[in-house]
Amino acid sequence: MKQYLLLFRGSDGSTAQQSPDEMQSWMQWMGGLNEKGSLLGAQPLAQSGKQVTGIGKVVTDGPFMEGKEMVGGYLLCKAADYAEAVEISKGCPILEFGDGRVEVREVREMAM
């Protein structure tokens, strides 16, 4: 099994503004993944943050981008391959509520 990172983009990324039905959908989806042993972790992200850039390590407030590009949270899961990870992503509630998108990325292993 490989690990995949699902990045949730768009919508407004704010769990504080979600309806009880939306929150229930998230809990059911993640609960099902947990029961299957596929869920490794998941968290929403704050809308504000800091960026450290370049050789000079300049720190600025951010990220500043359009709402549709904002990463609002992530989920780390186990799947046999990209096809299975994409199928997992299709159950994500962000696709049902608003203009959300899910980016699926394989987590590469690092040789130590």
PDB file of N, CA and C in Angstrom:
ATOM      1  N   MET A   1       0.836  -1.182   0.000  1.00  0.00           N
ATOM      2  CA  MET A   1       0.000   0.000   0.000  1.00  0.00           C
ATOM      3  C   MET A   1       0.880   1.244   0.000  1.00  0.00           C
ATOM      4  N   LYS A   2       0.444   2.231  -0.745  1.00  0.00           N
ATOM      5  CA  LYS A   2       1.151   3.512  -0.806  1.00  0.00           C
ATOM      6  C   LYS A   2       0.345   4.549  -0.056  1.00  0.00           C
ATOM      7  N   GLN A   3       0.993   5.662   0.254  1.00  0.00           N
ATOM      8  CA  GLN A   3       0.310   6.768   0.904  1.00  0.00           C
ATOM      9  C   GLN A   3       0.006   7.849  -0.120  1.00  0.00           C
ATOM     10  N   TYR A   4      -1.180   8.450   0.029  1.00  0.00           N
ATOM     11  CA  TYR A   4      -1.614   9.526  -0.858  1.00  0.00           C
ATOM     12  C   TYR A   4      -2.114  10.685  -0.018  1.00  0.00           C
ATOM     13  N   LEU A   5      -1.781  11.889  -0.464  1.00  0.00           N
ATOM     14  CA  LEU A   5      -2.237  13.105   0.183  1.00  0.00           C
ATOM     15  C   LEU A   5      -3.346  13.704  -0.663  1.00  0.00           C
ATOM     16  N   LEU A   6      -4.499  13.902  -0.062  1.00  0.00           N
ATOM     17  CA  LEU A   6      -5.612  14.556  -0.733  1.00  0.00           C
ATOM     18  C   LEU A   6      -5.672  15.984  -0.215  1.00  0.00           C
ATOM     19  N   LEU A   7      -5.481  16.943  -1.106  1.00  0.00           N
ATOM     20  CA  LEU A   7      -5.529  18.366  -0.754  1.00  0.00           C
ATOM     21  C   LEU A   7      -6.885  18.909  -1.164  1.00  0.00           C
ATOM     22  N   PHE A   8      -7.560  19.532  -0.225  1.00  0.00           N
ATOM     23  CA  PHE A   8      -8.885  20.071  -0.486  1.00  0.00           C
ATOM     24  C   PHE A   8      -8.755  21.545  -0.850  1.00  0.00           C
ATOM     25  N   ARG A   9      -9.143  21.865  -2.080  1.00  0.00           N
ATOM     26  CA  ARG A   9      -9.018  23.235  -2.593  1.00  0.00           C
ATOM     27  C   ARG A   9     -10.399  23.806  -2.869  1.00  0.00           C
ATOM     28  N   GLY A  10     -10.471  25.139  -2.759  1.00  0.00           N
ATOM     29  CA  GLY A  10     -11.694  25.833  -3.124  1.00  0.00           C
ATOM     30  C   GLY A  10     -12.663  25.906  -1.975  1.00  0.00           C
ATOM     31  N   SER A  11     -13.923  26.112  -2.317  1.00  0.00           N
ATOM     32  CA  SER A  11     -14.933  26.414  -1.323  1.00  0.00           C
ATOM     33  C   SER A  11     -14.375  27.575  -0.514  1.00  0.00           C
ATOM     34  N   ASP A  12     -14.655  27.682   0.769  1.00  0.00           N
ATOM     35  CA  ASP A  12     -13.991  28.748   1.514  1.00  0.00           C
ATOM     36  C   ASP A  12     -13.032  28.161   2.530  1.00  0.00           C
ATOM     37  N   GLY A  13     -12.978  26.826   2.616  1.00  0.00           N
ATOM     38  CA  GLY A  13     -12.044  26.174   3.509  1.00  0.00           C
ATOM     39  C   GLY A  13     -12.363  26.328   4.980  1.00  0.00           C
ATOM     40  N   SER A  14     -13.480  26.934   5.309  1.00  0.00           N
ATOM     41  CA  SER A  14     -13.790  27.226   6.705  1.00  0.00           C
ATOM     42  C   SER A  14     -14.780  26.221   7.268  1.00  0.00           C
ATOM     43  N   THR A  15     -14.336  25.438   8.244  1.00  0.00           N
ATOM     44  CA  THR A  15     -15.255  24.516   8.898  1.00  0.00           C
ATOM     45  C   THR A  15     -16.255  25.263   9.761  1.00  0.00           C
ATOM     46  N   ALA A  16     -15.920  26.481  10.192  1.00  0.00           N
ATOM     47  CA  ALA A  16     -16.823  27.258  11.038  1.00  0.00           C
ATOM     48  C   ALA A  16     -18.090  27.649  10.286  1.00  0.00           C
ATOM     49  N   GLN A  17     -18.035  27.733   8.959  1.00  0.00           N
ATOM     50  CA  GLN A  17     -19.188  28.149   8.177  1.00  0.00           C
ATOM     51  C   GLN A  17     -19.951  26.985   7.580  1.00  0.00           C
ATOM     52  N   GLN A  18     -19.569  25.764   7.909  1.00  0.00           N
ATOM     53  CA  GLN A  18     -20.248  24.608   7.350  1.00  0.00           C
ATOM     54  C   GLN A  18     -21.519  24.304   8.121  1.00  0.00           C
ATOM     55  N   SER A  19     -22.517  23.847   7.388  1.00  0.00           N
ATOM     56  CA  SER A  19     -23.778  23.470   8.013  1.00  0.00           C
ATOM     57  C   SER A  19     -23.601  22.147   8.754  1.00  0.00           C
ATOM     58  N   PRO A  20     -24.528  21.814   9.645  1.00  0.00           N
ATOM     59  CA  PRO A  20     -24.464  20.503  10.314  1.00  0.00           C
ATOM     60  C   PRO A  20     -24.483  19.338   9.313  1.00  0.00           C
ATOM     61  N   ASP A  21     -25.237  19.474   8.226  1.00  0.00           N
ATOM     62  CA  ASP A  21     -25.272  18.417   7.202  1.00  0.00           C
ATOM     63  C   ASP A  21     -23.905  18.238   6.547  1.00  0.00           C
ATOM     64  N   GLU A  22     -23.234  19.356   6.266  1.00  0.00           N
ATOM     65  CA  GLU A  22     -21.890  19.279   5.672  1.00  0.00           C
ATOM     66  C   GLU A  22     -20.914  18.621   6.638  1.00  0.00           C
ATOM     67  N   MET A  23     -20.958  19.017   7.892  1.00  0.00           N
ATOM     68  CA  MET A  23     -20.063  18.424   8.885  1.00  0.00           C
ATOM     69  C   MET A  23     -20.339  16.931   9.039  1.00  0.00           C
ATOM     70  N   GLN A  24     -21.617  16.550   9.033  1.00  0.00           N
ATOM     71  CA  GLN A  24     -21.986  15.134   9.138  1.00  0.00           C
ATOM     72  C   GLN A  24     -21.455  14.354   7.947  1.00  0.00           C
ATOM     73  N   SER A  25     -21.524  14.945   6.758  1.00  0.00           N
ATOM     74  CA  SER A  25     -20.996  14.279   5.557  1.00  0.00           C
ATOM     75  C   SER A  25     -19.508  14.014   5.683  1.00  0.00           C
ATOM     76  N   TRP A  26     -18.752  15.010   6.194  1.00  0.00           N
ATOM     77  CA  TRP A  26     -17.313  14.842   6.388  1.00  0.00           C
ATOM     78  C   TRP A  26     -17.032  13.721   7.393  1.00  0.00           C
ATOM     79  N   MET A  27     -17.765  13.730   8.502  1.00  0.00           N
ATOM     80  CA  MET A  27     -17.535  12.734   9.548  1.00  0.00           C
ATOM     81  C   MET A  27     -17.857  11.321   9.050  1.00  0.00           C
ATOM     82  N   GLN A  28     -18.925  11.181   8.279  1.00  0.00           N
ATOM     83  CA  GLN A  28     -19.288   9.867   7.734  1.00  0.00           C
ATOM     84  C   GLN A  28     -18.235   9.380   6.746  1.00  0.00           C
ATOM     85  N   TRP A  29     -17.792  10.264   5.860  1.00  0.00           N
ATOM     86  CA  TRP A  29     -16.801   9.880   4.850  1.00  0.00           C
ATOM     87  C   TRP A  29     -15.498   9.450   5.516  1.00  0.00           C
ATOM     88  N   MET A  30     -15.002  10.275   6.437  1.00  0.00           N
ATOM     89  CA  MET A  30     -13.747   9.936   7.102  1.00  0.00           C
ATOM     90  C   MET A  30     -13.911   8.731   8.024  1.00  0.00           C
ATOM     91  N   GLY A  31     -15.069   8.593   8.659  1.00  0.00           N
ATOM     92  CA  GLY A  31     -15.326   7.425   9.497  1.00  0.00           C
ATOM     93  C   GLY A  31     -15.291   6.142   8.697  1.00  0.00           C
ATOM     94  N   GLY A  32     -15.858   6.174   7.491  1.00  0.00           N
ATOM     95  CA  GLY A  32     -15.827   5.000   6.615  1.00  0.00           C
ATOM     96  C   GLY A  32     -14.407   4.637   6.201  1.00  0.00           C
ATOM     97  N   LEU A  33     -13.596   5.654   5.888  1.00  0.00           N
ATOM     98  CA  LEU A  33     -12.199   5.405   5.535  1.00  0.00           C
ATOM     99  C   LEU A  33     -11.438   4.841   6.724  1.00  0.00           C
ATOM    100  N   ASN A  34     -11.741   5.332   7.919  1.00  0.00           N
ATOM    101  CA  ASN A  34     -11.088   4.847   9.124  1.00  0.00           C
ATOM    102  C   ASN A  34     -11.437   3.378   9.377  1.00  0.00           C
ATOM    103  N   GLU A  35     -12.696   3.025   9.200  1.00  0.00           N
ATOM    104  CA  GLU A  35     -13.134   1.632   9.389  1.00  0.00           C
ATOM    105  C   GLU A  35     -12.425   0.679   8.427  1.00  0.00           C
ATOM    106  N   LYS A  36     -12.155   1.143   7.206  1.00  0.00           N
ATOM    107  CA  LYS A  36     -11.456   0.326   6.213  1.00  0.00           C
ATOM    108  C   LYS A  36      -9.947   0.276   6.445  1.00  0.00           C
ATOM    109  N   GLY A  37      -9.455   1.104   7.368  1.00  0.00           N
ATOM    110  CA  GLY A  37      -8.021   1.170   7.624  1.00  0.00           C
ATOM    111  C   GLY A  37      -7.266   2.026   6.619  1.00  0.00           C
ATOM    112  N   SER A  38      -7.980   2.837   5.859  1.00  0.00           N
ATOM    113  CA  SER A  38      -7.358   3.681   4.833  1.00  0.00           C
ATOM    114  C   SER A  38      -6.954   5.053   5.346  1.00  0.00           C
ATOM    115  N   LEU A  39      -7.610   5.551   6.391  1.00  0.00           N
ATOM    116  CA  LEU A  39      -7.362   6.896   6.891  1.00  0.00           C
ATOM    117  C   LEU A  39      -6.134   6.921   7.787  1.00  0.00           C
ATOM    118  N   LEU A  40      -5.172   7.762   7.440  1.00  0.00           N
ATOM    119  CA  LEU A  40      -3.968   7.930   8.250  1.00  0.00           C
ATOM    120  C   LEU A  40      -3.997   9.230   9.039  1.00  0.00           C
ATOM    121  N   GLY A  41      -4.733  10.219   8.566  1.00  0.00           N
ATOM    122  CA  GLY A  41      -4.845  11.496   9.255  1.00  0.00           C
ATOM    123  C   GLY A  41      -5.555  12.498   8.381  1.00  0.00           C
ATOM    124  N   ALA A  42      -6.143  13.511   9.005  1.00  0.00           N
ATOM    125  CA  ALA A  42      -6.834  14.568   8.264  1.00  0.00           C
ATOM    126  C   ALA A  42      -7.047  15.751   9.184  1.00  0.00           C
ATOM    127  N   GLN A  43      -6.899  16.955   8.629  1.00  0.00           N
ATOM    128  CA  GLN A  43      -7.109  18.176   9.410  1.00  0.00           C
ATOM    129  C   GLN A  43      -7.504  19.315   8.480  1.00  0.00           C
ATOM    130  N   PRO A  44      -8.370  20.212   8.960  1.00  0.00           N
ATOM    131  CA  PRO A  44      -8.590  21.456   8.223  1.00  0.00           C
ATOM    132  C   PRO A  44      -7.408  22.388   8.498  1.00  0.00           C
ATOM    133  N   LEU A  45      -7.200  23.349   7.619  1.00  0.00           N
ATOM    134  CA  LEU A  45      -6.125  24.321   7.782  1.00  0.00           C
ATOM    135  C   LEU A  45      -6.705  25.710   7.988  1.00  0.00           C
ATOM    136  N   ALA A  46      -6.021  26.525   8.793  1.00  0.00           N
ATOM    137  CA  ALA A  46      -6.412  27.917   8.983  1.00  0.00           C
ATOM    138  C   ALA A  46      -6.252  28.659   7.658  1.00  0.00           C
ATOM    139  N   GLN A  47      -7.033  29.694   7.468  1.00  0.00           N
ATOM    140  CA  GLN A  47      -6.965  30.447   6.218  1.00  0.00           C
ATOM    141  C   GLN A  47      -5.753  31.364   6.154  1.00  0.00           C
ATOM    142  N   SER A  48      -5.184  31.714   7.285  1.00  0.00           N
ATOM    143  CA  SER A  48      -4.012  32.584   7.272  1.00  0.00           C
ATOM    144  C   SER A  48      -2.762  31.764   7.549  1.00  0.00           C
ATOM    145  N   GLY A  49      -1.620  32.328   7.231  1.00  0.00           N
ATOM    146  CA  GLY A  49      -0.363  31.639   7.467  1.00  0.00           C
ATOM    147  C   GLY A  49       0.810  32.550   7.165  1.00  0.00           C
ATOM    148  N   LYS A  50       1.962  31.975   7.093  1.00  0.00           N
ATOM    149  CA  LYS A  50       3.201  32.686   6.768  1.00  0.00           C
ATOM    150  C   LYS A  50       3.881  31.956   5.618  1.00  0.00           C
ATOM    151  N   GLN A  51       4.649  32.702   4.848  1.00  0.00           N
ATOM    152  CA  GLN A  51       5.470  32.128   3.789  1.00  0.00           C
ATOM    153  C   GLN A  51       6.915  32.523   4.023  1.00  0.00           C
ATOM    154  N   VAL A  52       7.814  31.566   3.849  1.00  0.00           N
ATOM    155  CA  VAL A  52       9.249  31.822   3.922  1.00  0.00           C
ATOM    156  C   VAL A  52       9.784  31.602   2.515  1.00  0.00           C
ATOM    157  N   THR A  53      10.463  32.631   1.967  1.00  0.00           N
ATOM    158  CA  THR A  53      10.838  32.613   0.562  1.00  0.00           C
ATOM    159  C   THR A  53      12.325  32.832   0.355  1.00  0.00           C
ATOM    160  N   GLY A  54      12.906  32.035  -0.541  1.00  0.00           N
ATOM    161  CA  GLY A  54      14.237  32.264  -1.083  1.00  0.00           C
ATOM    162  C   GLY A  54      15.411  32.144  -0.129  1.00  0.00           C
ATOM    163  N   ILE A  55      16.576  32.420  -0.692  1.00  0.00           N
ATOM    164  CA  ILE A  55      17.837  32.321   0.034  1.00  0.00           C
ATOM    165  C   ILE A  55      17.852  33.239   1.251  1.00  0.00           C
ATOM    166  N   GLY A  56      17.231  34.412   1.117  1.00  0.00           N
ATOM    167  CA  GLY A  56      17.180  35.365   2.217  1.00  0.00           C
ATOM    168  C   GLY A  56      16.179  34.991   3.303  1.00  0.00           C
ATOM    169  N   LYS A  57      15.405  33.949   3.053  1.00  0.00           N
ATOM    170  CA  LYS A  57      14.406  33.464   4.010  1.00  0.00           C
ATOM    171  C   LYS A  57      13.475  34.580   4.480  1.00  0.00           C
ATOM    172  N   VAL A  58      12.954  35.326   3.509  1.00  0.00           N
ATOM    173  CA  VAL A  58      12.059  36.436   3.776  1.00  0.00           C
ATOM    174  C   VAL A  58      10.702  35.882   4.221  1.00  0.00           C
ATOM    175  N   VAL A  59      10.209  36.364   5.344  1.00  0.00           N
ATOM    176  CA  VAL A  59       8.929  35.908   5.896  1.00  0.00           C
ATOM    177  C   VAL A  59       7.859  36.945   5.577  1.00  0.00           C
ATOM    178  N   THR A  60       6.756  36.484   4.978  1.00  0.00           N
ATOM    179  CA  THR A  60       5.634  37.362   4.658  1.00  0.00           C
ATOM    180  C   THR A  60       4.344  36.692   5.107  1.00  0.00           C
ATOM    181  N   ASP A  61       3.309  37.523   5.271  1.00  0.00           N
ATOM    182  CA  ASP A  61       1.993  36.965   5.531  1.00  0.00           C
ATOM    183  C   ASP A  61       1.503  36.296   4.257  1.00  0.00           C
ATOM    184  N   GLY A  62       0.668  35.311   4.412  1.00  0.00           N
ATOM    185  CA  GLY A  62       0.119  34.629   3.247  1.00  0.00           C
ATOM    186  C   GLY A  62      -0.568  33.365   3.711  1.00  0.00           C
ATOM    187  N   PRO A  63      -1.018  32.553   2.864  1.00  0.00           N
ATOM    188  CA  PRO A  63      -0.975  32.722   1.404  1.00  0.00           C
ATOM    189  C   PRO A  63      -2.046  33.688   0.916  1.00  0.00           C
ATOM    190  N   PHE A  64      -1.739  34.393  -0.154  1.00  0.00           N
ATOM    191  CA  PHE A  64      -2.697  35.283  -0.782  1.00  0.00           C
ATOM    192  C   PHE A  64      -2.973  34.751  -2.173  1.00  0.00           C
ATOM    193  N   MET A  65      -4.194  34.283  -2.366  1.00  0.00           N
ATOM    194  CA  MET A  65      -4.594  33.733  -3.655  1.00  0.00           C
ATOM    195  C   MET A  65      -6.112  33.751  -3.721  1.00  0.00           C
ATOM    196  N   GLU A  66      -6.625  33.440  -4.883  1.00  0.00           N
ATOM    197  CA  GLU A  66      -8.070  33.355  -5.028  1.00  0.00           C
ATOM    198  C   GLU A  66      -8.592  32.209  -4.178  1.00  0.00           C
ATOM    199  N   GLY A  67      -9.813  32.344  -3.685  1.00  0.00           N
ATOM    200  CA  GLY A  67     -10.420  31.321  -2.850  1.00  0.00           C
ATOM    201  C   GLY A  67     -10.429  29.949  -3.478  1.00  0.00           C
ATOM    202  N   LYS A  68     -10.594  29.888  -4.808  1.00  0.00           N
ATOM    203  CA  LYS A  68     -10.654  28.584  -5.466  1.00  0.00           C
ATOM    204  C   LYS A  68      -9.316  27.867  -5.445  1.00  0.00           C
ATOM    205  N   GLU A  69      -8.223  28.585  -5.175  1.00  0.00           N
ATOM    206  CA  GLU A  69      -6.895  27.978  -5.116  1.00  0.00           C
ATOM    207  C   GLU A  69      -6.462  27.659  -3.689  1.00  0.00           C
ATOM    208  N   MET A  70      -7.175  28.187  -2.702  1.00  0.00           N
ATOM    209  CA  MET A  70      -6.809  28.023  -1.299  1.00  0.00           C
ATOM    210  C   MET A  70      -6.907  26.555  -0.881  1.00  0.00           C
ATOM    211  N   VAL A  71      -5.865  26.067  -0.204  1.00  0.00           N
ATOM    212  CA  VAL A  71      -5.901  24.720   0.365  1.00  0.00           C
ATOM    213  C   VAL A  71      -6.552  24.845   1.733  1.00  0.00           C
ATOM    214  N   GLY A  72      -7.713  24.227   1.893  1.00  0.00           N
ATOM    215  CA  GLY A  72      -8.467  24.342   3.129  1.00  0.00           C
ATOM    216  C   GLY A  72      -8.230  23.217   4.110  1.00  0.00           C
ATOM    217  N   GLY A  73      -7.604  22.133   3.634  1.00  0.00           N
ATOM    218  CA  GLY A  73      -7.341  21.000   4.505  1.00  0.00           C
ATOM    219  C   GLY A  73      -6.717  19.869   3.719  1.00  0.00           C
ATOM    220  N   TYR A  74      -6.470  18.783   4.434  1.00  0.00           N
ATOM    221  CA  TYR A  74      -5.843  17.634   3.783  1.00  0.00           C
ATOM    222  C   TYR A  74      -6.312  16.348   4.444  1.00  0.00           C
ATOM    223  N   LEU A  75      -6.105  15.251   3.733  1.00  0.00           N
ATOM    224  CA  LEU A  75      -6.341  13.921   4.259  1.00  0.00           C
ATOM    225  C   LEU A  75      -5.214  13.037   3.749  1.00  0.00           C
ATOM    226  N   LEU A  76      -4.631  12.265   4.629  1.00  0.00           N
ATOM    227  CA  LEU A  76      -3.584  11.315   4.269  1.00  0.00           C
ATOM    228  C   LEU A  76      -4.199   9.934   4.351  1.00  0.00           C
ATOM    229  N   CYS A  77      -4.081   9.175   3.249  1.00  0.00           N
ATOM    230  CA  CYS A  77      -4.703   7.853   3.211  1.00  0.00           C
ATOM    231  C   CYS A  77      -3.765   6.813   2.617  1.00  0.00           C
ATOM    232  N   LYS A  78      -4.143   5.554   2.800  1.00  0.00           N
ATOM    233  CA  LYS A  78      -3.447   4.435   2.180  1.00  0.00           C
ATOM    234  C   LYS A  78      -4.307   3.926   1.038  1.00  0.00           C
ATOM    235  N   ALA A  79      -3.660   3.598  -0.073  1.00  0.00           N
ATOM    236  CA  ALA A  79      -4.356   3.018  -1.217  1.00  0.00           C
ATOM    237  C   ALA A  79      -3.362   2.169  -2.003  1.00  0.00           C
ATOM    238  N   ALA A  80      -3.872   1.223  -2.754  1.00  0.00           N
ATOM    239  CA  ALA A  80      -3.013   0.334  -3.543  1.00  0.00           C
ATOM    240  C   ALA A  80      -2.326   1.087  -4.674  1.00  0.00           C
ATOM    241  N   ASP A  81      -3.033   2.060  -5.274  1.00  0.00           N
ATOM    242  CA  ASP A  81      -2.501   2.781  -6.421  1.00  0.00           C
ATOM    243  C   ASP A  81      -3.283   4.078  -6.621  1.00  0.00           C
ATOM    244  N   TYR A  82      -2.879   4.841  -7.654  1.00  0.00           N
ATOM    245  CA  TYR A  82      -3.557   6.109  -7.927  1.00  0.00           C
ATOM    246  C   TYR A  82      -5.050   5.905  -8.184  1.00  0.00           C
ATOM    247  N   ALA A  83      -5.398   4.849  -8.902  1.00  0.00           N
ATOM    248  CA  ALA A  83      -6.810   4.621  -9.227  1.00  0.00           C
ATOM    249  C   ALA A  83      -7.644   4.501  -7.955  1.00  0.00           C
ATOM    250  N   GLU A  84      -7.149   3.759  -6.971  1.00  0.00           N
ATOM    251  CA  GLU A  84      -7.885   3.612  -5.717  1.00  0.00           C
ATOM    252  C   GLU A  84      -7.926   4.927  -4.946  1.00  0.00           C
ATOM    253  N   ALA A  85      -6.818   5.666  -4.940  1.00  0.00           N
ATOM    254  CA  ALA A  85      -6.783   6.961  -4.249  1.00  0.00           C
ATOM    255  C   ALA A  85      -7.764   7.940  -4.883  1.00  0.00           C
ATOM    256  N   VAL A  86      -7.859   7.933  -6.198  1.00  0.00           N
ATOM    257  CA  VAL A  86      -8.813   8.809  -6.888  1.00  0.00           C
ATOM    258  C   VAL A  86     -10.242   8.405  -6.537  1.00  0.00           C
ATOM    259  N   GLU A  87     -10.519   7.105  -6.464  1.00  0.00           N
ATOM    260  CA  GLU A  87     -11.849   6.654  -6.066  1.00  0.00           C
ATOM    261  C   GLU A  87     -12.180   7.133  -4.658  1.00  0.00           C
ATOM    262  N   ILE A  88     -11.204   7.058  -3.756  1.00  0.00           N
ATOM    263  CA  ILE A  88     -11.409   7.573  -2.401  1.00  0.00           C
ATOM    264  C   ILE A  88     -11.765   9.055  -2.458  1.00  0.00           C
ATOM    265  N   SER A  89     -11.042   9.809  -3.287  1.00  0.00           N
ATOM    266  CA  SER A  89     -11.266  11.260  -3.363  1.00  0.00           C
ATOM    267  C   SER A  89     -12.661  11.600  -3.884  1.00  0.00           C
ATOM    268  N   LYS A  90     -13.238  10.742  -4.693  1.00  0.00           N
ATOM    269  CA  LYS A  90     -14.568  11.014  -5.253  1.00  0.00           C
ATOM    270  C   LYS A  90     -15.656  11.049  -4.189  1.00  0.00           C
ATOM    271  N   GLY A  91     -15.394  10.482  -3.010  1.00  0.00           N
ATOM    272  CA  GLY A  91     -16.358  10.518  -1.926  1.00  0.00           C
ATOM    273  C   GLY A  91     -16.252  11.763  -1.065  1.00  0.00           C
ATOM    274  N   CYS A  92     -15.301  12.630  -1.357  1.00  0.00           N
ATOM    275  CA  CYS A  92     -15.056  13.805  -0.524  1.00  0.00           C
ATOM    276  C   CYS A  92     -16.228  14.781  -0.567  1.00  0.00           C
ATOM    277  N   PRO A  93     -16.741  15.168   0.597  1.00  0.00           N
ATOM    278  CA  PRO A  93     -17.875  16.095   0.647  1.00  0.00           C
ATOM    279  C   PRO A  93     -17.620  17.463   0.017  1.00  0.00           C
ATOM    280  N   ILE A  94     -16.378  17.897  -0.097  1.00  0.00           N
ATOM    281  CA  ILE A  94     -16.119  19.209  -0.700  1.00  0.00           C
ATOM    282  C   ILE A  94     -16.619  19.258  -2.146  1.00  0.00           C
ATOM    283  N   LEU A  95     -16.745  18.092  -2.769  1.00  0.00           N
ATOM    284  CA  LEU A  95     -17.231  18.031  -4.150  1.00  0.00           C
ATOM    285  C   LEU A  95     -18.745  18.223  -4.224  1.00  0.00           C
ATOM    286  N   GLU A  96     -19.426  18.025  -3.101  1.00  0.00           N
ATOM    287  CA  GLU A  96     -20.883  18.147  -3.051  1.00  0.00           C
ATOM    288  C   GLU A  96     -21.350  19.526  -2.614  1.00  0.00           C
ATOM    289  N   PHE A  97     -20.494  20.245  -1.892  1.00  0.00           N
ATOM    290  CA  PHE A  97     -20.889  21.518  -1.306  1.00  0.00           C
ATOM    291  C   PHE A  97     -20.004  22.627  -1.852  1.00  0.00           C
ATOM    292  N   GLY A  98     -20.432  23.289  -2.893  1.00  0.00           N
ATOM    293  CA  GLY A  98     -19.667  24.417  -3.416  1.00  0.00           C
ATOM    294  C   GLY A  98     -18.793  24.041  -4.595  1.00  0.00           C
ATOM    295  N   ASP A  99     -17.737  24.814  -4.763  1.00  0.00           N
ATOM    296  CA  ASP A  99     -16.873  24.683  -5.935  1.00  0.00           C
ATOM    297  C   ASP A  99     -15.560  23.982  -5.590  1.00  0.00           C
ATOM    298  N   GLY A 100     -15.590  23.078  -4.642  1.00  0.00           N
ATOM    299  CA  GLY A 100     -14.368  22.435  -4.175  1.00  0.00           C
ATOM    300  C   GLY A 100     -13.741  21.482  -5.176  1.00  0.00           C
ATOM    301  N   ARG A 101     -12.444  21.272  -4.976  1.00  0.00           N
ATOM    302  CA  ARG A 101     -11.666  20.330  -5.779  1.00  0.00           C
ATOM    303  C   ARG A 101     -10.772  19.528  -4.842  1.00  0.00           C
ATOM    304  N   VAL A 102     -10.447  18.308  -5.270  1.00  0.00           N
ATOM    305  CA  VAL A 102      -9.527  17.476  -4.504  1.00  0.00           C
ATOM    306  C   VAL A 102      -8.329  17.162  -5.391  1.00  0.00           C
ATOM    307  N   GLU A 103      -7.163  17.502  -4.906  1.00  0.00           N
ATOM    308  CA  GLU A 103      -5.915  17.176  -5.600  1.00  0.00           C
ATOM    309  C   GLU A 103      -5.342  15.929  -4.938  1.00  0.00           C
ATOM    310  N   VAL A 104      -5.039  14.908  -5.727  1.00  0.00           N
ATOM    311  CA  VAL A 104      -4.520  13.645  -5.216  1.00  0.00           C
ATOM    312  C   VAL A 104      -3.046  13.537  -5.576  1.00  0.00           C
ATOM    313  N   ARG A 105      -2.201  13.361  -4.559  1.00  0.00           N
ATOM    314  CA  ARG A 105      -0.746  13.283  -4.777  1.00  0.00           C
ATOM    315  C   ARG A 105      -0.188  12.073  -4.036  1.00  0.00           C
ATOM    316  N   GLU A 106       0.644  11.306  -4.714  1.00  0.00           N
ATOM    317  CA  GLU A 106       1.320  10.197  -4.053  1.00  0.00           C
ATOM    318  C   GLU A 106       2.443  10.742  -3.178  1.00  0.00           C
ATOM    319  N   VAL A 107       2.576  10.194  -1.981  1.00  0.00           N
ATOM    320  CA  VAL A 107       3.649  10.568  -1.082  1.00  0.00           C
ATOM    321  C   VAL A 107       4.832   9.660  -1.404  1.00  0.00           C
ATOM    322  N   ARG A 108       5.911  10.256  -1.829  1.00  0.00           N
ATOM    323  CA  ARG A 108       7.104   9.479  -2.190  1.00  0.00           C
ATOM    324  C   ARG A 108       7.897   9.125  -0.940  1.00  0.00           C
ATOM    325  N   GLU A 109       8.482   7.947  -0.962  1.00  0.00           N
ATOM    326  CA  GLU A 109       9.327   7.527   0.157  1.00  0.00           C
ATOM    327  C   GLU A 109      10.710   8.138  -0.018  1.00  0.00           C
ATOM    328  N   MET A 110      11.278   8.537   1.108  1.00  0.00           N
ATOM    329  CA  MET A 110      12.641   9.079   1.101  1.00  0.00           C
ATOM    330  C   MET A 110      13.600   8.032   1.664  1.00  0.00           C
ATOM    331  N   ALA A 111      14.685   7.839   0.949  1.00  0.00           N
ATOM    332  CA  ALA A 111      15.725   6.930   1.446  1.00  0.00           C
ATOM    333  C   ALA A 111      16.540   7.676   2.496  1.00  0.00           C
ATOM    334  N   MET A 112      16.696   7.070   3.635  1.00  0.00           N
ATOM    335  CA  MET A 112      17.479   7.701   4.706  1.00  0.00           C
ATOM    336  C   MET A 112      18.811   7.001   4.855  1.00  0.00           C
TER     337      MET A 112
END
